[in-house]
Amino acid sequence: MFQPKRIVWCGTVAALLCLWASPVQADPNPKDSLAKYVPQDVWLFSHTWRTDGRDKLFENWKEIIAALKTCGIDQELRNAFYSATPDDKKTLFNQRWEEISTAFGNVEWVDIVCDEVVFSERLRSVVPDIILIARPKPATLEKNVNGLAAIFDLFNSYLDGKPVPAKVHGRLRTWSIESEEADIGLHMLHMDDKVALVFGQSAFVEVRSLFLGETKFPSFEANDRFKKAIQEVPNRGYAMTFLDVDRVFQWVAKLPELILGKGDLAKPIETVSSVVAAVTNQLDFMDYVVISQEVSGNKQIQHTVARVKSTCCQKPCARAMINQKPISGFAKYVPKESKSYVVSSMFDLRMIYDTILEIVRTEIPEGEQLCQKWQDVQTQNEFNIRNDLLDWVSGEFIICTLPPATPSPFGNEDMVALLRIRDPELARKKIPALVERGVTFFKNSGQELSVAPATNLPVDGFQNATIPTMVMFIGTPCFGIWDDWLVLGSSEQSIALVMKTASGEHPSITENERFIKEGLHTDAPIVGAKFADLSNIGQELSAAFFGFGFAAGMIPNEPEAAPIKAIMGSMVRLGPVVNKIDFLSSSSTLTTFKDNAWHSECVTTYKPKAATNPQ
């Protein structure tokens, strides 16, 4: 059923998110940073401003934004929603769609965030407070403020049939849409060159007070944790982000009472709170994450520090990540032809599993019986997750993609994954039983899975798996134990290439021309690394979006499925848009762990201007 109130609230929240996601550039005035208008106790603070280097890089995205505006997906989505609207509501739908489209079209959304911009979120109740403060482009400031006010008028007219009056507080003007059904509201503030959109009543009161220069609410500028954290990243460049993870877990601990309330639910709240406390106690080992971004030539560089609380390093979940074996010399496993790789020390799966069972056993009512039932199920199925799998799987992995050994219309790359194992001999004993269980599972599902020895690899014990009905989609995967790795490959040939690379018979990624120029590499121990050749990312994304159209054609022509079919079909419109992303060259990341923190650097390289597609 068409419900204007729901559209109003969904639309306003969507508008906030669209603004947050928009490309932004700004030039901060250190005497009047927008951070001074943000409440001190937000958990998320993201601040972006203009630099010449960033402006030059983000010129590339203007064509994408222009193409998005004219691709017609808005009309496709409109048709999808229209088809799902009851006949007696279609006239109202058309009226509302036209009104909302016109109102939103009268605002230059990119201009609103074309100067300094801050996005923040605060967790006090079940529904978070959302705060966006920006310095719009001066030339369109008045037009955009009037346009936003018109949107407020329109949405409020759907709620109670009248426009939103502006309230004047000296140089500050405010507009508010408030719901009688819930203690929430959407607010706009405008003062001088600043505009703010605030979702949440208490946040609005505090932001308004900070705009007026009052001192009864502390500003984020006085947040000592942020001021300390930001010193950990080397260059603030054009953006910085702070995530107060500790504050998030403080909020999670209060959620049961916030959701269930008090009174007659005291006992359920106590039970739920006990479980939540046990879970959060295990997971609550992170202090904060701080990120800065800068531009150097044609490279966009992001520095990240994720700090662990010094008092929580011995918690099982923390040890499951911190104590993993670093990976050294990973490049020797990655062939020169690879388009991408991912390397990670991940976490100790066995320790996580044991921790989950301990929480269930000690904190959940009748948890001991639940654990016993779980044990009985495993015994009945003759498979024990810990003994038959987690005892020999370590968790660290290397994954690389390669040109396909056998090109297929359903995939244009091969993949090889190396999963580190802690006990190769135990793994060799356990894997045959796992394979047999897989064969039985497929047989019981009416499918066929056949396994045969691989014949073209330099080591014994590898096997090819064939599922006749899936060969055209997944080929013939291959798997086996090699040194201290469980190797899974999309083809026998791809695994052979990785083995030749590791033995020095084939060049590694370190001889790849693009990787030499743009990749981050070290032979020192690391806990994470990524590289992706993005030179053809536009074509690849375009093919994926056109695939939505293929999938939509397979959905039955039934009334219930019509909206989904229409929405998926409309995704084809985005194919030509993403195809224009032809200006990226690569992305590369390295992550280490030292001094109780993960330190990460990510470099995204843009193609030189002369090398990009002139279209």
Foldseek 3Di string as FASTA:
>chain_A
DDALLVCLVVVVVVLVVVLVPADAAADADVVCGPLLLAFQAFQKKKKFYHDPQVVVQCVLCPLLVVLVVPLCLVVLLLVLVLLLDDPVCNVVSVVVVVLLVVLVVQAPSRQQRHHIKMWTWHFDFPDIKIKIKHQGNVVCQVSRVVSVQVSQQVSLCSVPNGGWDWDDDPQKTKTKDADPVDQWIWMWIDGDRMIMIMIGDVRVVSSVCSVVVHDPTGGNVPNPVVVVVVVVWDDQAGMKMKGQVLSVLVSQLCHLCSVVPDDPCPVVSVLVSLLSCLVSLLVPFWGMKMKHWHGDNQKIKMKMKTFTPPVCCPRLQNCQQPVQDFDFPPQLLAFQQWQKKKWASAGQPLSVVVSVLVSQCPRHVVSVVVVVVVVVVCVVVVHDCVQLPSQWFGATKMKTWHADPDDAPQDGIKMKMWTFTPDQVSNLVRVVVVVVVVQVVQVVVVWGKDKDWDDPAPDGAKIWIDTPVCCRNQNIWMWGDDDRITMIISDPVVNRSSVCSNVVNGPTNCPHPLCVVFEDDDRDTFRIKMKHFCQQVLQVVLVVLVVLLVVLVVDDPDSVCSSVSSSSNSSNSCSVSSNSPNFWGMKIKTWHDDPRIIIMMMMTGTHPPVPHDPD
